[in-house]
């Protein structure tokens, strides 16, 4: 799968709205964070340096599908007009009577709405001072992150990244893009492991590994335990058998003491 292909999720991704962002670089980093987690609808209200922005495209690190689809608005009200569940993100306490949720709870609600093909969105404020109260008042709920209150300021792209991550983690039930099982094959059977160990034990015996002899049973049990804890696959057992065979094929470089 190429970097530009989008993996579908069982829920409509939320919209990201940036209110009066100042730097094109920050817009680009937001686009990159969105693309990382499958979001693609970016709306910008009154970007200070105008639009389009080559600085934004460069900072987006090939998230061109997000940059190319950006919509620019003069008013916040127009940017959020079609959104049916709108979250306002803020790190400050507001004197506005709205429910306050964390990014995980917001993600759960956004996913539930998205599964019904309803439009959801996260609204982010200016780099220096965030959203104003009138903008927060447009939202259904406030999202705040569990940051250290003594240093609550996040870069706008960082805030988007956290919300986008929580949304995708919830939408996909935490499914990862790959696991080692994809590459290493099926777990080895106990028969294959025991035959491999008997092969190893015989090769070590020939080379005088078990000394003193009276401690051999304890050493054998410990060696067996090492391999049992390793959760070996068929492929790994075959590799180990090849390693043991190389001991048997070639004489030791140094003689036994």
C-alpha atoms as a PDB file:
ATOM      1  CA  UNK A   1       0.000   0.000   0.000  1.00  0.00           C
ATOM      2  CA  UNK A   2       1.403   3.405  -0.956  1.00  0.00           C
ATOM      3  CA  UNK A   3       1.663   6.304   1.468  1.00  0.00           C
ATOM      4  CA  UNK A   4      -1.048   8.175  -0.435  1.00  0.00           C
ATOM      5  CA  UNK A   5      -3.691   5.448  -0.215  1.00  0.00           C
ATOM      6  CA  UNK A   6      -6.216   5.776   2.579  1.00  0.00           C
ATOM      7  CA  UNK A   7      -7.228   2.763   4.629  1.00  0.00           C
ATOM      8  CA  UNK A   8     -10.998   2.830   5.184  1.00  0.00           C
ATOM      9  CA  UNK A   9     -12.400   2.750   8.703  1.00  0.00           C
ATOM     10  CA  UNK A  10     -15.917   1.782   9.822  1.00  0.00           C
ATOM     11  CA  UNK A  11     -16.618   5.386  10.839  1.00  0.00           C
ATOM     12  CA  UNK A  12     -16.643   8.696   8.972  1.00  0.00           C
ATOM     13  CA  UNK A  13     -13.505  10.626   9.997  1.00  0.00           C
ATOM     14  CA  UNK A  14     -14.008  13.939  11.803  1.00  0.00           C
ATOM     15  CA  UNK A  15     -13.336  17.328  10.255  1.00  0.00           C
ATOM     16  CA  UNK A  16     -10.484  19.504  11.590  1.00  0.00           C
ATOM     17  CA  UNK A  17     -11.100  23.266  11.750  1.00  0.00           C
ATOM     18  CA  UNK A  18      -8.220  25.698  12.349  1.00  0.00           C
ATOM     19  CA  UNK A  19      -9.267  29.181  13.437  1.00  0.00           C
ATOM     20  CA  UNK A  20      -6.948  31.911  12.149  1.00  0.00           C
ATOM     21  CA  UNK A  21      -3.711  29.899  12.090  1.00  0.00           C
ATOM     22  CA  UNK A  22      -0.645  32.096  11.779  1.00  0.00           C
ATOM     23  CA  UNK A  23       2.063  29.915  10.235  1.00  0.00           C
ATOM     24  CA  UNK A  24       1.888  27.838   7.078  1.00  0.00           C
ATOM     25  CA  UNK A  25       4.319  25.390   8.672  1.00  0.00           C
ATOM     26  CA  UNK A  26       1.825  24.683  11.452  1.00  0.00           C
ATOM     27  CA  UNK A  27      -0.959  24.071   8.949  1.00  0.00           C
ATOM     28  CA  UNK A  28       1.297  21.620   7.123  1.00  0.00           C
ATOM     29  CA  UNK A  29       2.170  19.763  10.305  1.00  0.00           C
ATOM     30  CA  UNK A  30      -1.538  19.537  11.131  1.00  0.00           C
ATOM     31  CA  UNK A  31      -2.172  18.028   7.688  1.00  0.00           C
ATOM     32  CA  UNK A  32       0.603  15.514   8.290  1.00  0.00           C
ATOM     33  CA  UNK A  33      -0.851  14.538  11.694  1.00  0.00           C
ATOM     34  CA  UNK A  34      -4.287  14.119  10.112  1.00  0.00           C
ATOM     35  CA  UNK A  35      -2.934  11.905   7.346  1.00  0.00           C
ATOM     36  CA  UNK A  36      -1.110   9.737   9.890  1.00  0.00           C
ATOM     37  CA  UNK A  37      -4.437   8.693  11.376  1.00  0.00           C
ATOM     38  CA  UNK A  38      -6.769   8.736   8.391  1.00  0.00           C
ATOM     39  CA  UNK A  39      -8.321  12.209   8.634  1.00  0.00           C
ATOM     40  CA  UNK A  40      -8.553  14.219   5.414  1.00  0.00           C
ATOM     41  CA  UNK A  41     -11.059  17.099   5.738  1.00  0.00           C
ATOM     42  CA  UNK A  42      -9.144  20.228   6.843  1.00  0.00           C
ATOM     43  CA  UNK A  43     -10.895  23.587   6.999  1.00  0.00           C
ATOM     44  CA  UNK A  44      -9.104  26.867   7.682  1.00  0.00           C
ATOM     45  CA  UNK A  45     -10.643  30.119   8.862  1.00  0.00           C
ATOM     46  CA  UNK A  46      -8.764  33.289   7.857  1.00  0.00           C
ATOM     47  CA  UNK A  47      -5.177  32.013   7.684  1.00  0.00           C
ATOM     48  CA  UNK A  48      -2.918  34.962   8.472  1.00  0.00           C
ATOM     49  CA  UNK A  49      -0.547  34.414   5.565  1.00  0.00           C
ATOM     50  CA  UNK A  50      -3.232  33.483   3.058  1.00  0.00           C
ATOM     51  CA  UNK A  51      -3.799  30.323   1.045  1.00  0.00           C
ATOM     52  CA  UNK A  52      -2.433  28.335  -0.742  1.00  0.00           C
ATOM     53  CA  UNK A  53       0.843  28.039   1.126  1.00  0.00           C
ATOM     54  CA  UNK A  54       3.995  26.372  -0.124  1.00  0.00           C
ATOM     55  CA  UNK A  55       5.323  26.349   3.432  1.00  0.00           C
ATOM     56  CA  UNK A  56       2.290  24.343   4.483  1.00  0.00           C
ATOM     57  CA  UNK A  57       2.732  21.868   1.645  1.00  0.00           C
ATOM     58  CA  UNK A  58       6.412  21.389   2.466  1.00  0.00           C
ATOM     59  CA  UNK A  59       5.728  20.841   6.170  1.00  0.00           C
ATOM     60  CA  UNK A  60       2.938  18.377   5.335  1.00  0.00           C
ATOM     61  CA  UNK A  61       5.577  15.853   4.261  1.00  0.00           C
ATOM     62  CA  UNK A  62       3.650  14.472   1.269  1.00  0.00           C
ATOM     63  CA  UNK A  63       0.207  14.622   2.880  1.00  0.00           C
ATOM     64  CA  UNK A  64      -0.791  16.297  -0.384  1.00  0.00           C
ATOM     65  CA  UNK A  65      -4.282  14.800  -0.438  1.00  0.00           C
ATOM     66  CA  UNK A  66      -5.080  16.762   2.732  1.00  0.00           C
ATOM     67  CA  UNK A  67      -3.474  19.993   1.493  1.00  0.00           C
ATOM     68  CA  UNK A  68      -5.169  19.784  -1.916  1.00  0.00           C
ATOM     69  CA  UNK A  69      -8.605  19.380  -0.329  1.00  0.00           C
ATOM     70  CA  UNK A  70      -8.302  22.278   2.157  1.00  0.00           C
ATOM     71  CA  UNK A  71     -11.314  24.588   2.325  1.00  0.00           C
ATOM     72  CA  UNK A  72     -10.839  28.210   3.393  1.00  0.00           C
ATOM     73  CA  UNK A  73     -13.584  30.233   5.102  1.00  0.00           C
ATOM     74  CA  UNK A  74     -14.015  33.829   6.175  1.00  0.00           C
ATOM     75  CA  UNK A  75     -16.217  32.955   9.166  1.00  0.00           C
ATOM     76  CA  UNK A  76     -16.079  30.163  11.719  1.00  0.00           C
ATOM     77  CA  UNK A  77     -19.845  29.810  11.519  1.00  0.00           C
ATOM     78  CA  UNK A  78     -19.578  28.872   7.842  1.00  0.00           C
ATOM     79  CA  UNK A  79     -16.733  26.422   8.443  1.00  0.00           C
ATOM     80  CA  UNK A  80     -18.766  24.450  10.987  1.00  0.00           C
ATOM     81  CA  UNK A  81     -22.224  24.869   9.463  1.00  0.00           C
ATOM     82  CA  UNK A  82     -22.668  21.218   8.428  1.00  0.00           C
ATOM     83  CA  UNK A  83     -21.114  19.666  11.540  1.00  0.00           C
ATOM     84  CA  UNK A  84     -23.525  17.753  13.764  1.00  0.00           C
ATOM     85  CA  UNK A  85     -21.175  17.143  16.691  1.00  0.00           C
ATOM     86  CA  UNK A  86     -18.568  19.852  17.219  1.00  0.00           C
ATOM     87  CA  UNK A  87     -15.789  19.741  19.813  1.00  0.00           C
ATOM     88  CA  UNK A  88     -13.878  22.876  20.812  1.00  0.00           C
ATOM     89  CA  UNK A  89     -10.369  22.120  22.046  1.00  0.00           C
ATOM     90  CA  UNK A  90      -8.935  24.273  24.800  1.00  0.00           C
ATOM     91  CA  UNK A  91      -6.391  24.026  27.606  1.00  0.00           C
ATOM     92  CA  UNK A  92      -8.027  26.793  29.647  1.00  0.00           C
ATOM     93  CA  UNK A  93     -11.052  26.797  31.892  1.00  0.00           C
ATOM     94  CA  UNK A  94     -13.890  28.698  30.226  1.00  0.00           C
ATOM     95  CA  UNK A  95     -16.848  30.374  31.871  1.00  0.00           C
ATOM     96  CA  UNK A  96     -19.148  28.607  29.437  1.00  0.00           C
ATOM     97  CA  UNK A  97     -21.587  25.923  30.665  1.00  0.00           C
ATOM     98  CA  UNK A  98     -20.660  23.070  28.343  1.00  0.00           C
ATOM     99  CA  UNK A  99     -19.727  19.430  28.974  1.00  0.00           C
ATOM    100  CA  UNK A 100     -15.972  18.928  29.206  1.00  0.00           C
ATOM    101  CA  UNK A 101     -14.508  15.615  27.977  1.00  0.00           C
ATOM    102  CA  UNK A 102     -11.089  14.117  27.436  1.00  0.00           C
ATOM    103  CA  UNK A 103      -9.794  13.067  24.007  1.00  0.00           C
ATOM    104  CA  UNK A 104     -10.751   9.423  24.553  1.00  0.00           C
ATOM    105  CA  UNK A 105     -14.365  10.208  25.403  1.00  0.00           C
ATOM    106  CA  UNK A 106     -14.585  12.661  22.515  1.00  0.00           C
ATOM    107  CA  UNK A 107     -13.220   9.992  20.177  1.00  0.00           C
ATOM    108  CA  UNK A 108     -15.828   7.472  21.315  1.00  0.00           C
ATOM    109  CA  UNK A 109     -18.620   9.944  20.590  1.00  0.00           C
ATOM    110  CA  UNK A 110     -17.108  10.985  17.259  1.00  0.00           C
ATOM    111  CA  UNK A 111     -16.804   7.350  16.174  1.00  0.00           C
ATOM    112  CA  UNK A 112     -20.411   6.598  17.194  1.00  0.00           C
ATOM    113  CA  UNK A 113     -21.666   9.583  15.180  1.00  0.00           C
ATOM    114  CA  UNK A 114     -19.428   8.715  12.255  1.00  0.00           C
ATOM    115  CA  UNK A 115     -20.762   5.173  12.136  1.00  0.00           C
ATOM    116  CA  UNK A 116     -24.179   6.737  11.464  1.00  0.00           C
ATOM    117  CA  UNK A 117     -22.632   8.822   8.655  1.00  0.00           C
ATOM    118  CA  UNK A 118     -23.071  11.998  10.707  1.00  0.00           C
ATOM    119  CA  UNK A 119     -20.508  14.798  10.473  1.00  0.00           C
ATOM    120  CA  UNK A 120     -18.257  15.498  13.436  1.00  0.00           C
ATOM    121  CA  UNK A 121     -15.439  17.958  13.908  1.00  0.00           C
ATOM    122  CA  UNK A 122     -12.686  19.270  16.172  1.00  0.00           C
ATOM    123  CA  UNK A 123     -12.052  23.001  16.291  1.00  0.00           C
ATOM    124  CA  UNK A 124      -8.595  24.354  17.185  1.00  0.00           C
ATOM    125  CA  UNK A 125      -7.585  27.917  17.953  1.00  0.00           C
ATOM    126  CA  UNK A 126      -4.712  30.239  17.259  1.00  0.00           C
ATOM    127  CA  UNK A 127      -1.143  29.334  18.099  1.00  0.00           C
ATOM    128  CA  UNK A 128      -0.783  32.074  20.722  1.00  0.00           C
ATOM    129  CA  UNK A 129      -4.086  32.052  22.572  1.00  0.00           C
ATOM    130  CA  UNK A 130      -6.383  29.405  21.171  1.00  0.00           C
ATOM    131  CA  UNK A 131     -10.108  29.828  20.622  1.00  0.00           C
ATOM    132  CA  UNK A 132     -12.100  32.796  21.827  1.00  0.00           C
ATOM    133  CA  UNK A 133     -15.261  32.371  23.877  1.00  0.00           C
ATOM    134  CA  UNK A 134     -17.586  33.075  20.955  1.00  0.00           C
ATOM    135  CA  UNK A 135     -15.960  30.244  19.015  1.00  0.00           C
ATOM    136  CA  UNK A 136     -16.146  27.868  21.965  1.00  0.00           C
ATOM    137  CA  UNK A 137     -19.823  28.757  22.326  1.00  0.00           C
ATOM    138  CA  UNK A 138     -20.493  27.313  18.854  1.00  0.00           C
ATOM    139  CA  UNK A 139     -19.426  23.840  19.984  1.00  0.00           C
ATOM    140  CA  UNK A 140     -21.433  21.035  21.538  1.00  0.00           C
ATOM    141  CA  UNK A 141     -18.656  20.037  23.937  1.00  0.00           C
ATOM    142  CA  UNK A 142     -15.209  21.085  25.062  1.00  0.00           C
ATOM    143  CA  UNK A 143     -12.242  18.751  24.698  1.00  0.00           C
ATOM    144  CA  UNK A 144      -9.240  19.239  26.943  1.00  0.00           C
ATOM    145  CA  UNK A 145      -6.150  17.067  27.244  1.00  0.00           C
ATOM    146  CA  UNK A 146      -4.782  15.664  30.530  1.00  0.00           C
ATOM    147  CA  UNK A 147      -1.706  17.887  30.456  1.00  0.00           C
ATOM    148  CA  UNK A 148       0.311  19.201  33.385  1.00  0.00           C
ATOM    149  CA  UNK A 149      -1.557  22.388  34.442  1.00  0.00           C
ATOM    150  CA  UNK A 150       1.743  24.140  35.073  1.00  0.00           C
ATOM    151  CA  UNK A 151       2.612  23.794  31.371  1.00  0.00           C
ATOM    152  CA  UNK A 152      -0.559  23.229  29.402  1.00  0.00           C
ATOM    153  CA  UNK A 153       0.490  24.801  26.096  1.00  0.00           C
ATOM    154  CA  UNK A 154       0.631  22.423  23.119  1.00  0.00           C
ATOM    155  CA  UNK A 155       1.677  23.116  19.566  1.00  0.00           C
ATOM    156  CA  UNK A 156      -1.456  23.052  17.430  1.00  0.00           C
ATOM    157  CA  UNK A 157      -0.227  20.040  15.448  1.00  0.00           C
ATOM    158  CA  UNK A 158       0.439  18.157  18.685  1.00  0.00           C
ATOM    159  CA  UNK A 159      -3.115  18.785  19.847  1.00  0.00           C
ATOM    160  CA  UNK A 160      -4.497  17.607  16.500  1.00  0.00           C
ATOM    161  CA  UNK A 161      -2.258  14.545  16.638  1.00  0.00           C
ATOM    162  CA  UNK A 162      -3.582  13.479  20.057  1.00  0.00           C
ATOM    163  CA  UNK A 163      -7.224  13.857  19.019  1.00  0.00           C
ATOM    164  CA  UNK A 164      -6.654  12.125  15.667  1.00  0.00           C
ATOM    165  CA  UNK A 165      -4.795   9.262  17.360  1.00  0.00           C
ATOM    166  CA  UNK A 166      -7.582   8.708  19.877  1.00  0.00           C
ATOM    167  CA  UNK A 167     -10.175   8.764  17.113  1.00  0.00           C
ATOM    168  CA  UNK A 168      -8.384   6.176  14.983  1.00  0.00           C
ATOM    169  CA  UNK A 169      -7.538   3.974  17.962  1.00  0.00           C
ATOM    170  CA  UNK A 170     -11.226   3.896  18.842  1.00  0.00           C
ATOM    171  CA  UNK A 171     -12.475   3.531  15.257  1.00  0.00           C
ATOM    172  CA  UNK A 172     -10.200   0.544  14.576  1.00  0.00           C
ATOM    173  CA  UNK A 173     -10.379  -0.985  18.080  1.00  0.00           C
ATOM    174  CA  UNK A 174      -6.638  -0.414  18.395  1.00  0.00           C
ATOM    175  CA  UNK A 175      -5.761  -2.599  15.407  1.00  0.00           C
ATOM    176  CA  UNK A 176      -2.111  -2.194  14.435  1.00  0.00           C
ATOM    177  CA  UNK A 177      -0.997  -2.036  10.782  1.00  0.00           C
ATOM    178  CA  UNK A 178       1.244  -5.083  11.173  1.00  0.00           C
ATOM    179  CA  UNK A 179       2.487  -7.613  13.708  1.00  0.00           C
ATOM    180  CA  UNK A 180       5.506  -9.900  13.840  1.00  0.00           C
ATOM    181  CA  UNK A 181       3.147 -12.824  13.290  1.00  0.00           C
ATOM    182  CA  UNK A 182       2.687 -11.551   9.746  1.00  0.00           C
ATOM    183  CA  UNK A 183       6.337 -12.338   9.009  1.00  0.00           C
ATOM    184  CA  UNK A 184       7.431 -15.158  11.294  1.00  0.00           C
ATOM    185  CA  UNK A 185       4.866 -17.827  10.464  1.00  0.00           C
ATOM    186  CA  UNK A 186       2.918 -20.210  12.670  1.00  0.00           C
ATOM    187  CA  UNK A 187       3.920 -21.198  16.222  1.00  0.00           C
ATOM    188  CA  UNK A 188       6.110 -24.288  16.325  1.00  0.00           C
ATOM    189  CA  UNK A 189       4.601 -27.525  17.585  1.00  0.00           C
ATOM    190  CA  UNK A 190       5.891 -29.082  20.788  1.00  0.00           C
ATOM    191  CA  UNK A 191       7.177 -32.029  18.763  1.00  0.00           C
ATOM    192  CA  UNK A 192       9.303 -29.715  16.587  1.00  0.00           C
ATOM    193  CA  UNK A 193      10.673 -27.914  19.640  1.00  0.00           C
ATOM    194  CA  UNK A 194      11.542 -31.160  21.426  1.00  0.00           C
ATOM    195  CA  UNK A 195      13.310 -32.568  18.359  1.00  0.00           C
ATOM    196  CA  UNK A 196      15.257 -29.340  18.011  1.00  0.00           C
ATOM    197  CA  UNK A 197      16.280 -29.487  21.652  1.00  0.00           C
ATOM    198  CA  UNK A 198      17.316 -33.151  21.426  1.00  0.00           C
ATOM    199  CA  UNK A 199      19.425 -32.159  18.434  1.00  0.00           C
ATOM    200  CA  UNK A 200      20.993 -29.336  20.485  1.00  0.00           C
ATOM    201  CA  UNK A 201      21.543 -31.515  23.537  1.00  0.00           C
ATOM    202  CA  UNK A 202      23.322 -34.146  21.445  1.00  0.00           C
ATOM    203  CA  UNK A 203      25.583 -31.574  19.802  1.00  0.00           C
ATOM    204  CA  UNK A 204      26.475 -30.034  23.156  1.00  0.00           C
ATOM    205  CA  UNK A 205      27.131 -33.453  24.664  1.00  0.00           C
ATOM    206  CA  UNK A 206      29.629 -34.311  21.941  1.00  0.00           C
ATOM    207  CA  UNK A 207      31.498 -31.078  22.600  1.00  0.00           C
ATOM    208  CA  UNK A 208      31.676 -31.619  26.343  1.00  0.00           C
ATOM    209  CA  UNK A 209      29.355 -28.754  27.270  1.00  0.00           C
ATOM    210  CA  UNK A 210      27.742 -30.524  30.251  1.00  0.00           C
ATOM    211  CA  UNK A 211      30.425 -30.345  32.911  1.00  0.00           C
ATOM    212  CA  UNK A 212      30.381 -31.452  35.621  1.00  0.00           C
ATOM    213  CA  UNK A 213      28.255 -34.347  34.368  1.00  0.00           C
ATOM    214  CA  UNK A 214      26.243 -34.606  37.606  1.00  0.00           C
ATOM    215  CA  UNK A 215      24.789 -31.141  36.938  1.00  0.00           C
ATOM    216  CA  UNK A 216      23.630 -32.043  33.440  1.00  0.00           C
ATOM    217  CA  UNK A 217      19.945 -32.642  34.371  1.00  0.00           C
ATOM    218  CA  UNK A 218      19.636 -29.180  35.935  1.00  0.00           C
ATOM    219  CA  UNK A 219      21.372 -27.514  32.979  1.00  0.00           C
ATOM    220  CA  UNK A 220      19.175 -29.381  30.498  1.00  0.00           C
ATOM    221  CA  UNK A 221      15.997 -28.233  32.270  1.00  0.00           C
ATOM    222  CA  UNK A 222      17.171 -24.634  32.270  1.00  0.00           C
ATOM    223  CA  UNK A 223      18.057 -24.737  28.593  1.00  0.00           C
ATOM    224  CA  UNK A 224      14.674 -26.254  27.747  1.00  0.00           C
ATOM    225  CA  UNK A 225      12.973 -23.516  29.736  1.00  0.00           C
ATOM    226  CA  UNK A 226      14.791 -20.839  27.728  1.00  0.00           C
ATOM    227  CA  UNK A 227      13.399 -22.190  24.473  1.00  0.00           C
ATOM    228  CA  UNK A 228       9.905 -22.791  25.849  1.00  0.00           C
ATOM    229  CA  UNK A 229       9.667 -19.158  26.963  1.00  0.00           C
ATOM    230  CA  UNK A 230      10.717 -17.962  23.516  1.00  0.00           C
ATOM    231  CA  UNK A 231       7.408 -18.896  21.802  1.00  0.00           C
ATOM    232  CA  UNK A 232       9.309 -20.170  18.780  1.00  0.00           C
ATOM    233  CA  UNK A 233       7.787 -20.317  15.315  1.00  0.00           C
ATOM    234  CA  UNK A 234       8.325 -23.066  12.735  1.00  0.00           C
ATOM    235  CA  UNK A 235      10.731 -20.817  10.855  1.00  0.00           C
ATOM    236  CA  UNK A 236      12.758 -20.058  13.979  1.00  0.00           C
ATOM    237  CA  UNK A 237      13.022 -23.753  14.855  1.00  0.00           C
ATOM    238  CA  UNK A 238      14.327 -24.489  11.369  1.00  0.00           C
ATOM    239  CA  UNK A 239      16.932 -21.725  11.717  1.00  0.00           C
ATOM    240  CA  UNK A 240      18.081 -23.114  15.066  1.00  0.00           C
ATOM    241  CA  UNK A 241      18.339 -26.628  13.626  1.00  0.00           C
ATOM    242  CA  UNK A 242      20.561 -25.161  10.902  1.00  0.00           C
ATOM    243  CA  UNK A 243      22.760 -23.483  13.505  1.00  0.00           C
ATOM    244  CA  UNK A 244      23.130 -26.746  15.421  1.00  0.00           C
ATOM    245  CA  UNK A 245      23.915 -28.614  12.209  1.00  0.00           C
ATOM    246  CA  UNK A 246      26.732 -26.162  11.503  1.00  0.00           C
ATOM    247  CA  UNK A 247      28.292 -27.099  14.857  1.00  0.00           C
ATOM    248  CA  UNK A 248      28.212 -30.731  13.833  1.00  0.00           C
ATOM    249  CA  UNK A 249      29.486 -30.191  10.306  1.00  0.00           C
ATOM    250  CA  UNK A 250      32.540 -28.127  11.108  1.00  0.00           C
ATOM    251  CA  UNK A 251      35.114 -29.042  13.770  1.00  0.00           C
ATOM    252  CA  UNK A 252      35.518 -26.714  16.715  1.00  0.00           C
ATOM    253  CA  UNK A 253      38.089 -23.993  16.090  1.00  0.00           C
ATOM    254  CA  UNK A 254      39.606 -24.677  19.484  1.00  0.00           C
ATOM    255  CA  UNK A 255      39.885 -28.099  21.110  1.00  0.00           C
ATOM    256  CA  UNK A 256      38.160 -29.056  24.318  1.00  0.00           C
ATOM    257  CA  UNK A 257      40.079 -28.276  27.441  1.00  0.00           C
END
